[in-house]
């Protein structure tokens, strides 16, 4: 499908088993106030996040999630 990286909000001891690291290590910020260790990224293509920095954007429907 051509995806080069994945972002997840998940358990900090489960996702690292599959190569996920805290997104902040790559300069990617969560749009939600969550601990850094639960918002993670995984590069499916090595170096795909090299020139990408900033805050992840979600569709408006996520704004009402508590």
PDB file of N, CA and C in Angstrom:
ATOM      1  N   UNK A   1       0.804  -1.192   0.000  1.00  0.00           N
ATOM      2  CA  UNK A   1       0.000   0.000   0.000  1.00  0.00           C
ATOM      3  C   UNK A   1       0.851   1.262   0.000  1.00  0.00           C
ATOM      4  N   UNK A   2       2.147   1.123   0.191  1.00  0.00           N
ATOM      5  CA  UNK A   2       3.034   2.270   0.103  1.00  0.00           C
ATOM      6  C   UNK A   2       3.258   3.045   1.379  1.00  0.00           C
ATOM      7  N   UNK A   3       2.751   2.562   2.500  1.00  0.00           N
ATOM      8  CA  UNK A   3       2.958   3.266   3.763  1.00  0.00           C
ATOM      9  C   UNK A   3       4.420   3.170   4.181  1.00  0.00           C
ATOM     10  N   UNK A   4       4.959   4.267   4.679  1.00  0.00           N
ATOM     11  CA  UNK A   4       6.364   4.291   5.073  1.00  0.00           C
ATOM     12  C   UNK A   4       6.570   4.327   6.581  1.00  0.00           C
ATOM     13  N   UNK A   5       5.549   4.690   7.330  1.00  0.00           N
ATOM     14  CA  UNK A   5       5.634   4.712   8.789  1.00  0.00           C
ATOM     15  C   UNK A   5       4.239   4.598   9.387  1.00  0.00           C
ATOM     16  N   UNK A   6       4.205   4.227  10.670  1.00  0.00           N
ATOM     17  CA  UNK A   6       2.958   4.008  11.391  1.00  0.00           C
ATOM     18  C   UNK A   6       3.041   4.745  12.725  1.00  0.00           C
ATOM     19  N   UNK A   7       1.911   5.322  13.142  1.00  0.00           N
ATOM     20  CA  UNK A   7       1.808   5.998  14.439  1.00  0.00           C
ATOM     21  C   UNK A   7       0.751   5.270  15.255  1.00  0.00           C
ATOM     22  N   UNK A   8       1.061   4.985  16.523  1.00  0.00           N
ATOM     23  CA  UNK A   8       0.080   4.341  17.404  1.00  0.00           C
ATOM     24  C   UNK A   8       0.044   5.018  18.762  1.00  0.00           C
ATOM     25  N   UNK A   9      -1.100   4.900  19.393  1.00  0.00           N
ATOM     26  CA  UNK A   9      -1.286   5.287  20.786  1.00  0.00           C
ATOM     27  C   UNK A   9      -1.530   3.967  21.484  1.00  0.00           C
ATOM     28  N   UNK A  10      -0.550   3.495  22.257  1.00  0.00           N
ATOM     29  CA  UNK A  10      -0.702   2.159  22.810  1.00  0.00           C
ATOM     30  C   UNK A  10       0.194   1.869  23.995  1.00  0.00           C
ATOM     31  N   UNK A  11       0.127   0.638  24.424  1.00  0.00           N
ATOM     32  CA  UNK A  11       0.837   0.195  25.622  1.00  0.00           C
ATOM     33  C   UNK A  11       2.352   0.239  25.404  1.00  0.00           C
ATOM     34  N   UNK A  12       3.071   0.901  26.319  1.00  0.00           N
ATOM     35  CA  UNK A  12       4.508   1.114  26.127  1.00  0.00           C
ATOM     36  C   UNK A  12       5.401  -0.117  26.240  1.00  0.00           C
ATOM     37  N   UNK A  13       4.874  -1.251  26.695  1.00  0.00           N
ATOM     38  CA  UNK A  13       5.707  -2.460  26.708  1.00  0.00           C
ATOM     39  C   UNK A  13       5.313  -3.440  25.612  1.00  0.00           C
ATOM     40  N   UNK A  14       4.172  -3.220  24.964  1.00  0.00           N
ATOM     41  CA  UNK A  14       3.729  -4.122  23.904  1.00  0.00           C
ATOM     42  C   UNK A  14       4.284  -3.711  22.537  1.00  0.00           C
ATOM     43  N   UNK A  15       4.044  -2.489  22.129  1.00  0.00           N
ATOM     44  CA  UNK A  15       4.415  -2.061  20.780  1.00  0.00           C
ATOM     45  C   UNK A  15       5.918  -2.029  20.485  1.00  0.00           C
ATOM     46  N   UNK A  16       6.777  -1.750  21.454  1.00  0.00           N
ATOM     47  CA  UNK A  16       8.219  -1.792  21.147  1.00  0.00           C
ATOM     48  C   UNK A  16       8.698  -3.166  20.660  1.00  0.00           C
ATOM     49  N   UNK A  17       7.969  -4.218  20.986  1.00  0.00           N
ATOM     50  CA  UNK A  17       8.325  -5.559  20.491  1.00  0.00           C
ATOM     51  C   UNK A  17       8.296  -5.617  18.963  1.00  0.00           C
ATOM     52  N   UNK A  18       7.552  -4.685  18.364  1.00  0.00           N
ATOM     53  CA  UNK A  18       7.383  -4.673  16.916  1.00  0.00           C
ATOM     54  C   UNK A  18       8.115  -3.512  16.257  1.00  0.00           C
ATOM     55  N   UNK A  19       9.044  -2.905  17.009  1.00  0.00           N
ATOM     56  CA  UNK A  19       9.875  -1.853  16.438  1.00  0.00           C
ATOM     57  C   UNK A  19       9.407  -0.434  16.696  1.00  0.00           C
ATOM     58  N   UNK A  20       8.343  -0.255  17.474  1.00  0.00           N
ATOM     59  CA  UNK A  20       7.856   1.085  17.769  1.00  0.00           C
ATOM     60  C   UNK A  20       8.713   1.747  18.841  1.00  0.00           C
ATOM     61  N   UNK A  21       8.903   3.052  18.690  1.00  0.00           N
ATOM     62  CA  UNK A  21       9.633   3.854  19.670  1.00  0.00           C
ATOM     63  C   UNK A  21       8.790   5.089  19.986  1.00  0.00           C
ATOM     64  N   UNK A  22       9.045   5.738  21.124  1.00  0.00           N
ATOM     65  CA  UNK A  22       8.308   6.975  21.409  1.00  0.00           C
ATOM     66  C   UNK A  22       8.473   7.961  20.249  1.00  0.00           C
ATOM     67  N   UNK A  23       7.373   8.495  19.785  1.00  0.00           N
ATOM     68  CA  UNK A  23       7.398   9.372  18.602  1.00  0.00           C
ATOM     69  C   UNK A  23       8.244  10.613  18.819  1.00  0.00           C
ATOM     70  N   UNK A  24       8.339  11.063  20.044  1.00  0.00           N
ATOM     71  CA  UNK A  24       9.106  12.276  20.350  1.00  0.00           C
ATOM     72  C   UNK A  24      10.580  12.095  19.973  1.00  0.00           C
ATOM     73  N   UNK A  25      11.058  10.839  19.955  1.00  0.00           N
ATOM     74  CA  UNK A  25      12.444  10.563  19.560  1.00  0.00           C
ATOM     75  C   UNK A  25      12.693  10.896  18.093  1.00  0.00           C
ATOM     76  N   UNK A  26      11.625  10.949  17.305  1.00  0.00           N
ATOM     77  CA  UNK A  26      11.730  11.288  15.887  1.00  0.00           C
ATOM     78  C   UNK A  26      11.207  12.698  15.606  1.00  0.00           C
ATOM     79  N   UNK A  27      10.874  13.435  16.669  1.00  0.00           N
ATOM     80  CA  UNK A  27      10.372  14.796  16.487  1.00  0.00           C
ATOM     81  C   UNK A  27       8.898  14.871  16.146  1.00  0.00           C
ATOM     82  N   UNK A  28       8.172  13.786  16.421  1.00  0.00           N
ATOM     83  CA  UNK A  28       6.743  13.721  16.144  1.00  0.00           C
ATOM     84  C   UNK A  28       5.994  13.860  17.470  1.00  0.00           C
ATOM     85  N   UNK A  29       5.070  14.820  17.534  1.00  0.00           N
ATOM     86  CA  UNK A  29       4.326  15.090  18.766  1.00  0.00           C
ATOM     87  C   UNK A  29       2.907  14.542  18.691  1.00  0.00           C
ATOM     88  N   UNK A  30       2.397  14.147  19.842  1.00  0.00           N
ATOM     89  CA  UNK A  30       1.010  13.707  19.955  1.00  0.00           C
ATOM     90  C   UNK A  30       0.093  14.921  19.992  1.00  0.00           C
ATOM     91  N   UNK A  31      -1.081  14.811  19.375  1.00  0.00           N
ATOM     92  CA  UNK A  31      -2.036  15.909  19.464  1.00  0.00           C
ATOM     93  C   UNK A  31      -2.811  15.879  20.774  1.00  0.00           C
ATOM     94  N   UNK A  32      -2.621  14.828  21.552  1.00  0.00           N
ATOM     95  CA  UNK A  32      -3.322  14.648  22.818  1.00  0.00           C
ATOM     96  C   UNK A  32      -2.342  14.768  23.976  1.00  0.00           C
ATOM     97  N   UNK A  33      -2.810  15.194  25.140  1.00  0.00           N
ATOM     98  CA  UNK A  33      -1.923  15.265  26.316  1.00  0.00           C
ATOM     99  C   UNK A  33      -1.725  13.873  26.925  1.00  0.00           C
ATOM    100  N   UNK A  34      -0.752  13.142  26.412  1.00  0.00           N
ATOM    101  CA  UNK A  34      -0.462  11.783  26.883  1.00  0.00           C
ATOM    102  C   UNK A  34       1.028  11.672  27.187  1.00  0.00           C
ATOM    103  N   UNK A  35       1.406  10.706  28.027  1.00  0.00           N
ATOM    104  CA  UNK A  35       2.834  10.489  28.289  1.00  0.00           C
ATOM    105  C   UNK A  35       3.568  10.141  26.992  1.00  0.00           C
ATOM    106  N   UNK A  36       4.785  10.624  26.847  1.00  0.00           N
ATOM    107  CA  UNK A  36       5.577  10.381  25.636  1.00  0.00           C
ATOM    108  C   UNK A  36       5.711   8.904  25.293  1.00  0.00           C
ATOM    109  N   UNK A  37       5.789   8.043  26.315  1.00  0.00           N
ATOM    110  CA  UNK A  37       6.056   6.629  26.048  1.00  0.00           C
ATOM    111  C   UNK A  37       4.863   5.872  25.456  1.00  0.00           C
ATOM    112  N   UNK A  38       3.667   6.471  25.410  1.00  0.00           N
ATOM    113  CA  UNK A  38       2.517   5.758  24.851  1.00  0.00           C
ATOM    114  C   UNK A  38       2.148   6.201  23.435  1.00  0.00           C
ATOM    115  N   UNK A  39       2.775   7.256  22.934  1.00  0.00           N
ATOM    116  CA  UNK A  39       2.531   7.707  21.565  1.00  0.00           C
ATOM    117  C   UNK A  39       3.774   7.364  20.769  1.00  0.00           C
ATOM    118  N   UNK A  40       3.658   6.366  19.887  1.00  0.00           N
ATOM    119  CA  UNK A  40       4.827   5.771  19.261  1.00  0.00           C
ATOM    120  C   UNK A  40       4.765   5.770  17.740  1.00  0.00           C
ATOM    121  N   UNK A  41       5.935   5.621  17.141  1.00  0.00           N
ATOM    122  CA  UNK A  41       6.053   5.515  15.682  1.00  0.00           C
ATOM    123  C   UNK A  41       6.922   4.320  15.335  1.00  0.00           C
ATOM    124  N   UNK A  42       6.731   3.850  14.110  1.00  0.00           N
ATOM    125  CA  UNK A  42       7.580   2.795  13.566  1.00  0.00           C
ATOM    126  C   UNK A  42       7.816   3.116  12.096  1.00  0.00           C
ATOM    127  N   UNK A  43       9.066   3.194  11.715  1.00  0.00           N
ATOM    128  CA  UNK A  43       9.402   3.403  10.306  1.00  0.00           C
ATOM    129  C   UNK A  43       9.329   2.068   9.580  1.00  0.00           C
ATOM    130  N   UNK A  44       8.443   1.962   8.621  1.00  0.00           N
ATOM    131  CA  UNK A  44       8.360   0.764   7.792  1.00  0.00           C
ATOM    132  C   UNK A  44       9.423   0.811   6.704  1.00  0.00           C
ATOM    133  N   UNK A  45       9.818   2.025   6.367  1.00  0.00           N
ATOM    134  CA  UNK A  45      10.917   2.259   5.425  1.00  0.00           C
ATOM    135  C   UNK A  45      11.968   3.047   6.197  1.00  0.00           C
ATOM    136  N   UNK A  46      13.153   2.495   6.348  1.00  0.00           N
ATOM    137  CA  UNK A  46      14.207   3.161   7.110  1.00  0.00           C
ATOM    138  C   UNK A  46      14.409   4.595   6.647  1.00  0.00           C
ATOM    139  N   UNK A  47      14.442   5.513   7.607  1.00  0.00           N
ATOM    140  CA  UNK A  47      14.681   6.914   7.315  1.00  0.00           C
ATOM    141  C   UNK A  47      13.470   7.691   6.841  1.00  0.00           C
ATOM    142  N   UNK A  48      12.292   7.071   6.819  1.00  0.00           N
ATOM    143  CA  UNK A  48      11.109   7.750   6.290  1.00  0.00           C
ATOM    144  C   UNK A  48      10.667   8.953   7.121  1.00  0.00           C
ATOM    145  N   UNK A  49      11.093   9.022   8.372  1.00  0.00           N
ATOM    146  CA  UNK A  49      10.730  10.162   9.216  1.00  0.00           C
ATOM    147  C   UNK A  49      11.859  11.190   9.346  1.00  0.00           C
ATOM    148  N   UNK A  50      12.922  10.979   8.603  1.00  0.00           N
ATOM    149  CA  UNK A  50      14.104  11.839   8.703  1.00  0.00           C
ATOM    150  C   UNK A  50      13.784  13.321   8.567  1.00  0.00           C
ATOM    151  N   UNK A  51      12.976  13.682   7.606  1.00  0.00           N
ATOM    152  CA  UNK A  51      12.673  15.087   7.352  1.00  0.00           C
ATOM    153  C   UNK A  51      11.254  15.482   7.769  1.00  0.00           C
ATOM    154  N   UNK A  52      10.628  14.664   8.606  1.00  0.00           N
ATOM    155  CA  UNK A  52       9.268  14.956   9.067  1.00  0.00           C
ATOM    156  C   UNK A  52       9.309  15.271  10.557  1.00  0.00           C
ATOM    157  N   UNK A  53       8.776  16.421  10.924  1.00  0.00           N
ATOM    158  CA  UNK A  53       8.703  16.846  12.327  1.00  0.00           C
ATOM    159  C   UNK A  53       7.354  17.510  12.536  1.00  0.00           C
ATOM    160  N   UNK A  54       6.868  17.513  13.771  1.00  0.00           N
ATOM    161  CA  UNK A  54       5.638  18.232  14.073  1.00  0.00           C
ATOM    162  C   UNK A  54       4.623  17.401  14.818  1.00  0.00           C
ATOM    163  N   UNK A  55       3.401  17.904  14.853  1.00  0.00           N
ATOM    164  CA  UNK A  55       2.307  17.284  15.596  1.00  0.00           C
ATOM    165  C   UNK A  55       1.413  16.503  14.639  1.00  0.00           C
ATOM    166  N   UNK A  56       1.050  15.289  15.036  1.00  0.00           N
ATOM    167  CA  UNK A  56       0.167  14.447  14.239  1.00  0.00           C
ATOM    168  C   UNK A  56      -1.227  15.069  14.226  1.00  0.00           C
ATOM    169  N   UNK A  57      -1.870  15.047  13.065  1.00  0.00           N
ATOM    170  CA  UNK A  57      -3.234  15.541  12.946  1.00  0.00           C
ATOM    171  C   UNK A  57      -4.211  14.395  12.778  1.00  0.00           C
ATOM    172  N   UNK A  58      -5.303  14.460  13.501  1.00  0.00           N
ATOM    173  CA  UNK A  58      -6.354  13.453  13.397  1.00  0.00           C
ATOM    174  C   UNK A  58      -7.612  14.093  12.806  1.00  0.00           C
ATOM    175  N   UNK A  59      -8.499  13.305  12.209  1.00  0.00           N
ATOM    176  CA  UNK A  59      -9.758  13.843  11.703  1.00  0.00           C
ATOM    177  C   UNK A  59     -10.587  14.443  12.841  1.00  0.00           C
ATOM    178  N   UNK A  60     -11.472  15.388  12.539  1.00  0.00           N
ATOM    179  CA  UNK A  60     -12.288  16.056  13.565  1.00  0.00           C
ATOM    180  C   UNK A  60     -13.070  15.107  14.469  1.00  0.00           C
ATOM    181  N   UNK A  61     -13.458  13.945  13.994  1.00  0.00           N
ATOM    182  CA  UNK A  61     -14.226  13.006  14.824  1.00  0.00           C
ATOM    183  C   UNK A  61     -13.488  12.635  16.100  1.00  0.00           C
ATOM    184  N   UNK A  62     -12.170  12.663  16.091  1.00  0.00           N
ATOM    185  CA  UNK A  62     -11.394  12.311  17.267  1.00  0.00           C
ATOM    186  C   UNK A  62     -11.425  13.384  18.348  1.00  0.00           C
ATOM    187  N   UNK A  63     -11.843  14.577  18.018  1.00  0.00           N
ATOM    188  CA  UNK A  63     -11.887  15.667  18.992  1.00  0.00           C
ATOM    189  C   UNK A  63     -12.894  15.422  20.097  1.00  0.00           C
ATOM    190  N   UNK A  64     -13.891  14.599  19.865  1.00  0.00           N
ATOM    191  CA  UNK A  64     -14.911  14.330  20.875  1.00  0.00           C
ATOM    192  C   UNK A  64     -14.625  13.071  21.704  1.00  0.00           C
ATOM    193  N   UNK A  65     -13.523  12.412  21.445  1.00  0.00           N
ATOM    194  CA  UNK A  65     -13.149  11.200  22.186  1.00  0.00           C
ATOM    195  C   UNK A  65     -12.557  11.605  23.525  1.00  0.00           C
ATOM    196  N   UNK A  66     -13.103  11.016  24.591  1.00  0.00           N
ATOM    197  CA  UNK A  66     -12.585  11.305  25.944  1.00  0.00           C
ATOM    198  C   UNK A  66     -11.695  10.210  26.439  1.00  0.00           C
TER     199      UNK A  66
END
